[in-house]
Amino acid sequence: MSLSDVLARVEADTEKSLEILKEYCRFPSISAHKRAQPETAAFVRRILQENGFEAREYPTEGGPPVVFAELRVGERKPTLLMYQHYDVQPVDPLDEWKRDPFDPVVQEGKFYARGCGDTKGNFVAQLLAVQAWQRVAGAPPINLKFVVEGEEEVGSPHFGPFVEANKGILKADGATIEGGDHLHDGTPKIELGCKGTMYVDMICRTAKVDQHSSYATIAPNPAWRLIHALSTLRDRNGRVTIPGWLEDARRPTAREIRYLKASGFRGQALKEFWGASELLGGDNDYELLRRLLYWPTCTICGFISGYTGEGSKTVNPAVARAKVDFRLVPNMKSDKQFAKLMEHLRSKGFGDIEVLPTDSLEGSSISMTARVVKAAIKGAVDAYGREPEVWPWSAGASANGFFNEVVGVPSISGPGVSYDGSNYHAPNENIRIPDFIGGAKHMAAMFAHM
């Protein structure tokens, strides 16, 4: 038996795994809507049990179950923990999907379905890696654990208490969080942490009831007032303008700068995937990547006020609401940043606007010298014939902080199955079949180097 036999087995069994992924993606497990969570958790538990894991569901108070599973092969063997989530994002705007988001299809070398890239495809690819070792060698070369939650897409509100109560079973020599992705040219990517997130609802009410729009000369308009407040948070170039916002943010090291300058990241590819007319920051790939990783964000994710139906209604609304997502660089803590946001709004005369924190995850990052990082780099060489792209952290938010800081398990994002055109959180989410195969091979090879 050799590692090449295991990698060949991964490729031979890909079609079977894609059928499992189709079954998994048919569950409309939208956590924002609390849909299909118990049955999706039961599916995850069953599929793990069928593949030799001891698996159980842990109930959470007021939330969906967390699935934990373990496969032990030896007391002296290292242990790798794989974190995933079975929930997905809402599918709106539905009219922009070219196919049913919960009826998976494979077309022209791509797999389309909500959740296939974020992050059900990663779970199935990891399972494929396990199966390949079992079929070639009888068992993986290391101990494995899975923990799969159902609320990552809404900030994991019940996962934190689960982690605090179950630190013992989550101990491992390293962890992978969700999955990494690939650059447009197929280069695999691993990330040594993630940004944090702070999501808030901002509500401005200026009257008890709507008024006829003819009174707009004297009646306050909450939409305009909220727009004016929002315009103080960020400038037109994307820089957050709240005083002191960056004072705790981690700065890039000289080593990280060298990695960024050698990166294969191409902003033009993203511009084409998105159909965007321009990218904030210009066309220099290094500067774009530096912004992507080291800048925090302030994003208006949604804005609602007044009448938005067919035809016209001449109304001056009484209330306006905005959903705002702040991405935070590691070392920026959400409670401290929230206090800065509130002080800023008060200082600008917008203390009347109600700000409700809804979701938050803390950012976190680890050193390149960690065992799990070295294993992922060596595994990429076996699977792809080249080292992966290594980023200090992901531009997105995930559960790295729970494992790095609460449990004490160094964690990375990757190996993974998506790519920079996967459209996760957007219509027509997809993964490329070669990336799915590559991600499964990468994970299988990583097992050998832990």
Foldseek 3Di string as FASTA:
>chain_A
DDLVQLLVQLVVCLVVLVVVLLVLLLQQLAVVVNGRQAVSLVSVQVVVVVLPWDKDWDDFVPFGTKIKTKDADDPPFFEEEEEAESHAHDAPVVVPFPDAQNRWDADPQKIWHTCCFRFSLFVSLQVSLQVSCCVPPVGFRGMYMYIYHHCFVQACPRVLVVCLVPLPVVDGLAYAYRAFAAAPVRFFEKAQWAWKKWKKKKKFFQDPWKDFLVCVVPGDFAQVVVVVLVCQQADPLFAGNQPPLCVQADDDDPVQLVLLVVDPHFPVVLCVLVVHPADRPGGDSSRVVCCLQRGKGKDFPDKDFDDDDPDDDRIRTRMIMTMIMITGHARRDNVVSVVSSQVRCVVVVNNNIDMGTGHIDHIDGDDCPRQLNVLLQVLLCVLPVHGHRYHRYHSHHGHQCSCVPVSNHRYMHHDGFAYSSQQGVHHGGMTRSVSSSSRSSSSSSSSVRD
